């Protein structure tokens, strides 16, 4: 009887994951190097920006308030102003207007994203998605012009209504006697910022909603759940961290906005909670753009110090968003 043997699969055959002699091995190595270089470039760029801000802002930090006031026109120690106090006022105004924008834009964005992903017919969903993406391409100066020419006059009667019936709440207190509603207040800037960040939050949230496993949705519907109950039990839990990440991206966009806020708001430097009164608030980016053309060397250093504060705030916001998203990475639609 003749016994036939088959050649062993080990030894004579290369391992399944051995690409050393593969025709595309060199291309794989080049692509890996390019990808690694791109990732390192991001870190180098971030480190370069941080280093530049620290180096340029350091003279303003180590100078005494009196010396700084003598060299910088917008710092007046005799009026009780110092660089750190101005930065505090600007951070307060920036955060206040960004939070107003976030409170307005987040529920609207989630509702639009949910309608596009789960309720609208396909053609309508595609059209709405295109229009939402188109909003993100509108320059901020256009939003500022529209806000000043259209939105502010339209909102003045509404502000008067809020002041008449909710004026006992500090947020909605009317201007002092003798002043009129100009509409160029933190509330108007917050509404324009909300419109500007709406496409960012909507686009990211829509993609997260679309990643919800179809089997989860079908299982909920098969158990007798309504469409809303299916969304509440299947879509929202899956997309929760993705929605948080999208919201934080919108917040980062609002924190750094310059032209729209600068064109709309009547600036001031206070810690006032009155969002319907002019000459109360300003943002870091808007203040830098306003003072930079006439600043001398020390003035530029002071403005860079303000930019450093904004850089740190934006970095913290993004790190916080990433931490929230990573907590649920094993079943998150954002990952």
Protein backbone atom coordinates (compact mmCIF):
# COMPACT_ATOMS: atom_id res chain seq x y z
CA UNK A 1 0.00 0.00 0.00
CA UNK A 2 1.38 3.37 -1.01
CA UNK A 3 1.11 6.14 1.55
CA UNK A 4 0.88 9.64 0.15
CA UNK A 5 1.88 12.62 2.20
CA UNK A 6 1.03 16.25 1.76
CA UNK A 7 3.62 18.95 2.12
CA UNK A 8 3.59 20.65 5.48
CA UNK A 9 1.95 24.05 5.64
CA UNK A 10 4.67 25.22 7.98
CA UNK A 11 8.27 25.71 7.08
CA UNK A 12 7.98 25.89 3.29
CA UNK A 13 5.14 28.47 3.26
CA UNK A 14 5.60 32.04 4.55
CA UNK A 15 3.54 33.14 7.53
CA UNK A 16 0.22 34.75 6.74
CA UNK A 17 1.28 38.06 8.27
CA UNK A 18 4.79 38.12 6.81
CA UNK A 19 4.80 41.00 4.37
CA UNK A 20 8.57 41.38 4.17
CA UNK A 21 8.74 39.96 0.65
CA UNK A 22 5.32 41.20 -0.45
CA UNK A 23 5.41 43.38 -3.59
CA UNK A 24 3.73 46.20 -1.65
CA UNK A 25 6.07 46.01 1.36
CA UNK A 26 7.97 49.13 0.37
CA UNK A 27 4.77 51.08 -0.25
CA UNK A 28 3.44 49.93 3.13
CA UNK A 29 6.60 51.19 4.81
CA UNK A 30 6.39 54.54 3.05
CA UNK A 31 2.73 54.94 3.94
CA UNK A 32 3.44 54.05 7.58
CA UNK A 33 6.21 56.64 7.71
CA UNK A 34 4.01 59.33 6.18
CA UNK A 35 1.19 58.56 8.62
CA UNK A 36 3.55 58.61 11.58
CA UNK A 37 5.06 61.88 10.37
CA UNK A 38 1.63 63.46 10.04
CA UNK A 39 0.77 62.45 13.61
CA UNK A 40 4.07 63.80 14.94
CA UNK A 41 3.55 67.03 12.97
CA UNK A 42 0.36 67.71 14.92
CA UNK A 43 2.21 67.39 18.23
CA UNK A 44 5.10 69.54 16.99
CA UNK A 45 2.70 72.24 15.78
CA UNK A 46 0.83 72.28 19.08
CA UNK A 47 4.08 72.48 21.02
CA UNK A 48 5.32 75.28 18.75
CA UNK A 49 2.15 77.31 19.28
CA UNK A 50 2.31 76.84 23.06
CA UNK A 51 5.99 77.79 23.12
CA UNK A 52 5.40 80.90 21.03
CA UNK A 53 2.57 82.06 23.29
CA UNK A 54 4.62 81.48 26.45
CA UNK A 55 7.72 83.23 25.14
CA UNK A 56 5.86 86.23 23.75
CA UNK A 57 3.59 86.63 26.78
CA UNK A 58 6.32 86.29 29.40
CA UNK A 59 7.42 89.99 29.37
CA UNK A 60 3.86 91.06 30.15
CA UNK A 61 3.57 88.56 32.98
CA UNK A 62 6.79 89.62 34.73
CA UNK A 63 6.28 93.38 34.32
CA UNK A 64 4.83 95.29 37.25
CA UNK A 65 1.32 96.76 36.82
CA UNK A 66 2.72 100.32 36.98
CA UNK A 67 5.34 99.73 34.30
CA UNK A 68 2.84 97.85 32.16
CA UNK A 69 0.32 100.67 32.50
CA UNK A 70 2.87 103.23 31.37
CA UNK A 71 3.70 101.29 28.21
CA UNK A 72 0.30 99.80 27.30
CA UNK A 73 -2.52 102.22 26.50
CA UNK A 74 -5.42 99.86 27.26
CA UNK A 75 -4.16 99.00 30.76
CA UNK A 76 -4.94 101.72 33.32
CA UNK A 77 -3.70 100.89 36.85
CA UNK A 78 -5.11 104.21 38.13
CA UNK A 79 -8.61 102.90 37.31
CA UNK A 80 -7.92 99.62 39.09
CA UNK A 81 -7.12 97.72 35.90
CA UNK A 82 -4.32 95.20 35.63
CA UNK A 83 -3.50 92.65 32.97
CA UNK A 84 -4.83 89.74 35.00
CA UNK A 85 -8.04 91.60 35.82
CA UNK A 86 -8.64 92.39 32.16
CA UNK A 87 -7.99 88.74 31.27
CA UNK A 88 -10.49 87.71 33.95
CA UNK A 89 -13.16 90.05 32.55
CA UNK A 90 -12.56 88.78 29.02
CA UNK A 91 -12.63 85.12 30.04
CA UNK A 92 -15.92 85.74 31.84
CA UNK A 93 -17.47 87.40 28.78
CA UNK A 94 -16.15 84.70 26.45
CA UNK A 95 -17.51 81.86 28.58
CA UNK A 96 -20.83 83.65 29.16
CA UNK A 97 -21.56 84.18 25.46
CA UNK A 98 -20.35 80.70 24.56
CA UNK A 99 -22.64 79.14 27.17
CA UNK A 100 -25.59 81.16 25.83
CA UNK A 101 -24.81 79.81 22.37
CA UNK A 102 -24.46 76.26 23.68
CA UNK A 103 -27.77 76.34 25.58
CA UNK A 104 -29.58 77.53 22.46
CA UNK A 105 -27.80 75.44 19.82
CA UNK A 106 -27.49 72.04 21.52
CA UNK A 107 -31.17 70.99 21.72
CA UNK A 108 -31.92 72.41 18.27
CA UNK A 109 -28.93 70.61 16.75
CA UNK A 110 -29.84 67.29 18.35
CA UNK A 111 -33.43 67.66 17.14
CA UNK A 112 -32.33 68.43 13.57
CA UNK A 113 -29.86 65.54 13.58
CA UNK A 114 -32.50 63.15 14.88
CA UNK A 115 -35.01 64.29 12.26
CA UNK A 116 -32.49 63.84 9.44
CA UNK A 117 -31.31 60.41 10.61
CA UNK A 118 -34.57 58.76 11.74
CA UNK A 119 -37.66 60.69 10.66
CA UNK A 120 -37.18 62.54 7.39
CA UNK A 121 -37.63 60.82 3.99
CA UNK A 122 -34.36 60.04 2.25
CA UNK A 123 -34.51 62.88 -0.29
CA UNK A 124 -35.50 65.44 2.31
CA UNK A 125 -32.80 64.17 4.67
CA UNK A 126 -30.15 64.56 1.97
CA UNK A 127 -31.31 68.09 1.18
CA UNK A 128 -31.37 69.14 4.83
CA UNK A 129 -27.96 67.59 5.41
CA UNK A 130 -26.55 69.56 2.49
CA UNK A 131 -28.06 72.81 3.78
CA UNK A 132 -26.71 72.22 7.28
CA UNK A 133 -23.23 71.59 5.90
CA UNK A 134 -23.57 74.73 3.78
CA UNK A 135 -24.15 76.84 6.89
CA UNK A 136 -20.70 75.88 8.15
CA UNK A 137 -19.15 77.40 5.01
CA UNK A 138 -20.62 80.87 5.56
CA UNK A 139 -17.87 83.31 6.69
CA UNK A 140 -18.20 84.67 10.19
CA UNK A 141 -18.16 88.28 8.94
CA UNK A 142 -21.37 87.53 7.00
CA UNK A 143 -22.99 86.31 10.22
CA UNK A 144 -21.85 89.51 11.90
CA UNK A 145 -23.31 91.74 9.19
CA UNK A 146 -26.58 89.80 9.24
CA UNK A 147 -26.69 90.02 13.03
CA UNK A 148 -26.22 93.80 13.08
CA UNK A 149 -28.55 94.59 10.17
CA UNK A 150 -31.34 92.04 10.69
CA UNK A 151 -31.19 90.13 13.97
CA UNK A 152 -30.52 92.95 16.42
CA UNK A 153 -33.45 95.19 15.29
CA UNK A 154 -35.71 92.13 15.20
CA UNK A 155 -34.80 91.11 18.77
CA UNK A 156 -35.21 94.52 20.41
CA UNK A 157 -38.98 94.13 21.05
CA UNK A 158 -38.33 90.67 22.48
CA UNK A 159 -35.68 92.08 24.81
CA UNK A 160 -38.13 94.74 25.93
CA UNK A 161 -40.69 92.03 26.67
CA UNK A 162 -38.15 90.08 28.75
CA UNK A 163 -37.18 93.18 30.70
CA UNK A 164 -40.82 94.11 31.40
CA UNK A 165 -41.92 90.70 32.67
CA UNK A 166 -38.69 89.02 33.82
CA UNK A 167 -36.66 92.05 34.81
CA UNK A 168 -36.51 90.89 38.43
CA UNK A 169 -34.07 88.20 37.23
CA UNK A 170 -30.58 89.75 36.91
CA UNK A 171 -30.02 88.12 33.51
CA UNK A 172 -32.93 90.01 31.98
CA UNK A 173 -32.66 93.32 33.82
CA UNK A 174 -33.35 96.36 31.65
CA UNK A 175 -30.73 99.05 31.03
CA UNK A 176 -30.52 101.81 33.57
CA UNK A 177 -32.81 104.80 33.26
CA UNK A 178 -31.88 107.00 30.34
CA UNK A 179 -30.47 104.12 28.29
CA UNK A 180 -32.34 102.44 25.47
CA UNK A 181 -32.27 98.92 24.12
CA UNK A 182 -29.59 98.84 21.46
CA UNK A 183 -29.67 95.09 21.00
CA UNK A 184 -25.87 95.01 20.81
CA UNK A 185 -25.56 92.91 23.92
CA UNK A 186 -24.26 89.53 25.04
CA UNK A 187 -27.59 87.87 24.28
CA UNK A 188 -27.45 88.89 20.63
CA UNK A 189 -23.86 87.71 20.31
CA UNK A 190 -24.81 84.40 21.93
CA UNK A 191 -27.68 83.86 19.49
CA UNK A 192 -25.42 84.52 16.48
CA UNK A 193 -22.81 82.16 17.93
CA UNK A 194 -25.54 79.54 18.36
CA UNK A 195 -26.38 79.78 14.67
CA UNK A 196 -22.69 79.49 13.79
CA UNK A 197 -22.04 76.35 15.87
CA UNK A 198 -25.34 74.69 14.96
CA UNK A 199 -24.02 73.02 11.75
CA UNK A 200 -20.98 71.61 13.60
CA UNK A 201 -23.02 69.99 16.37
CA UNK A 202 -25.69 68.82 13.93
CA UNK A 203 -23.28 67.23 11.46
CA UNK A 204 -21.34 65.28 14.10
CA UNK A 205 -24.47 64.22 15.99
CA UNK A 206 -26.16 63.09 12.78
CA UNK A 207 -23.25 60.80 11.91
CA UNK A 208 -23.27 59.35 15.42
CA UNK A 209 -27.01 58.68 15.24
CA UNK A 210 -26.55 56.92 11.90
CA UNK A 211 -24.02 54.54 13.47
CA UNK A 212 -26.58 53.10 15.89
CA UNK A 213 -26.78 49.34 15.20
CA UNK A 214 -29.89 48.59 13.16
CA UNK A 215 -30.47 45.41 15.14
CA UNK A 216 -30.84 47.46 18.33
CA UNK A 217 -33.47 49.65 16.73
CA UNK A 218 -35.34 46.72 15.17
CA UNK A 219 -35.29 44.81 18.45
CA UNK A 220 -36.86 47.76 20.28
CA UNK A 221 -39.55 48.13 17.61
CA UNK A 222 -40.21 44.38 17.63
CA UNK A 223 -40.87 44.56 21.37
CA UNK A 224 -43.66 47.05 20.71
CA UNK A 225 -41.78 50.29 21.36
CA UNK A 226 -42.90 53.43 19.58
CA UNK A 227 -40.50 55.38 17.40
CA UNK A 228 -39.72 57.79 20.25
CA UNK A 229 -39.27 54.96 22.75
CA UNK A 230 -36.88 53.26 20.32
CA UNK A 231 -34.86 56.46 20.03
CA UNK A 232 -34.82 56.89 23.80
CA UNK A 233 -33.81 53.27 24.54
CA UNK A 234 -31.46 52.55 21.62
CA UNK A 235 -30.22 55.67 19.88
CA UNK A 236 -29.59 58.10 22.75
CA UNK A 237 -27.68 55.65 25.02
CA UNK A 238 -25.48 54.60 22.10
CA UNK A 239 -24.82 58.19 20.99
CA UNK A 240 -24.55 59.90 24.39
CA UNK A 241 -20.79 60.38 24.41
CA UNK A 242 -20.85 61.33 20.73
CA UNK A 243 -23.36 64.07 21.49
CA UNK A 244 -21.12 65.33 24.28
CA UNK A 245 -18.15 65.37 21.93
CA UNK A 246 -20.13 67.26 19.28
CA UNK A 247 -21.28 69.80 21.86
CA UNK A 248 -17.73 70.38 23.04
CA UNK A 249 -16.57 70.88 19.46
CA UNK A 250 -19.24 73.54 19.07
CA UNK A 251 -18.15 75.14 22.34
CA UNK A 252 -14.57 75.28 21.12
CA UNK A 253 -15.77 77.03 17.96
CA UNK A 254 -17.75 79.56 19.97
CA UNK A 255 -14.86 80.30 22.34
CA UNK A 256 -12.58 81.36 19.51
CA UNK A 257 -15.00 83.39 17.38
CA UNK A 258 -13.83 86.93 16.66
CA UNK A 259 -15.45 88.97 13.90
CA UNK A 260 -19.12 88.16 14.46
CA UNK A 261 -18.93 89.02 18.16
CA UNK A 262 -16.81 92.13 17.53
CA UNK A 263 -19.34 93.47 15.02
CA UNK A 264 -22.41 92.81 17.16
CA UNK A 265 -21.56 93.52 20.77
CA UNK A 266 -21.12 96.87 22.45
CA UNK A 267 -17.97 96.02 24.44
CA UNK A 268 -17.23 96.49 28.12
CA UNK A 269 -15.10 95.01 30.88
CA UNK A 270 -17.21 93.89 33.83
CA UNK A 271 -18.32 90.73 35.60
CA UNK A 272 -21.94 91.75 35.11
CA UNK A 273 -24.66 89.08 34.80
CA UNK A 274 -26.86 91.47 32.77
CA UNK A 275 -26.97 89.99 29.27
CA UNK A 276 -29.47 92.58 27.96
CA UNK A 277 -27.39 95.63 28.85
CA UNK A 278 -24.74 97.15 26.54
CA UNK A 279 -21.15 97.96 27.51
CA UNK A 280 -20.92 95.00 29.87
CA UNK A 281 -18.99 92.17 28.18
CA UNK A 282 -16.36 91.34 25.61
CA UNK A 283 -14.49 88.26 24.45
CA UNK A 284 -10.79 87.49 24.41
CA UNK A 285 -10.63 87.15 20.62
CA UNK A 286 -12.71 90.28 20.03
CA UNK A 287 -10.60 92.36 22.42
CA UNK A 288 -7.36 91.22 20.77
CA UNK A 289 -8.68 92.12 17.31
CA UNK A 290 -9.84 95.52 18.60
CA UNK A 291 -6.57 96.50 20.31
CA UNK A 292 -3.95 94.86 18.12
CA UNK A 293 -3.67 97.48 15.30
CA UNK A 294 -2.49 100.23 17.71
CA UNK A 295 -0.49 98.11 20.17
CA UNK A 296 3.22 98.64 20.74
CA UNK A 297 5.69 95.86 21.57
CA UNK A 298 4.59 95.52 25.20
CA UNK A 299 0.97 95.84 24.15
CA UNK A 300 1.38 92.95 21.73
CA UNK A 301 2.93 90.93 24.55
CA UNK A 302 -0.12 91.67 26.72
CA UNK A 303 -2.47 90.65 23.93
CA UNK A 304 -0.51 87.43 23.41
CA UNK A 305 -0.96 86.75 27.14
CA UNK A 306 -4.71 87.01 26.59
CA UNK A 307 -4.39 84.64 23.63
CA UNK A 308 -2.50 82.22 25.87
CA UNK A 309 -5.41 82.25 28.32
CA UNK A 310 -7.84 81.47 25.49
CA UNK A 311 -5.52 78.73 24.23
CA UNK A 312 -5.49 77.07 27.66
CA UNK A 313 -9.28 77.26 27.99
CA UNK A 314 -9.81 75.73 24.54
CA UNK A 315 -7.29 73.00 25.28
CA UNK A 316 -8.99 72.14 28.57
CA UNK A 317 -12.41 72.02 26.88
CA UNK A 318 -11.18 69.63 24.20
CA UNK A 319 -9.36 67.42 26.71
CA UNK A 320 -12.52 67.27 28.82
CA UNK A 321 -14.57 66.30 25.77
CA UNK A 322 -12.11 63.58 24.86
CA UNK A 323 -12.18 62.23 28.41
CA UNK A 324 -15.98 62.08 28.42
CA UNK A 325 -16.02 60.31 25.04
CA UNK A 326 -13.33 57.79 26.03
CA UNK A 327 -15.23 56.74 29.15
CA UNK A 328 -17.78 54.98 26.94
CA UNK A 329 -15.47 54.06 24.08
CA UNK A 330 -16.38 50.38 24.11
CA UNK A 331 -19.94 51.08 22.96
CA UNK A 332 -19.82 54.66 21.79
CA UNK A 333 -20.97 55.78 18.39
CA UNK A 334 -18.23 58.41 18.45
CA UNK A 335 -15.55 55.72 18.39
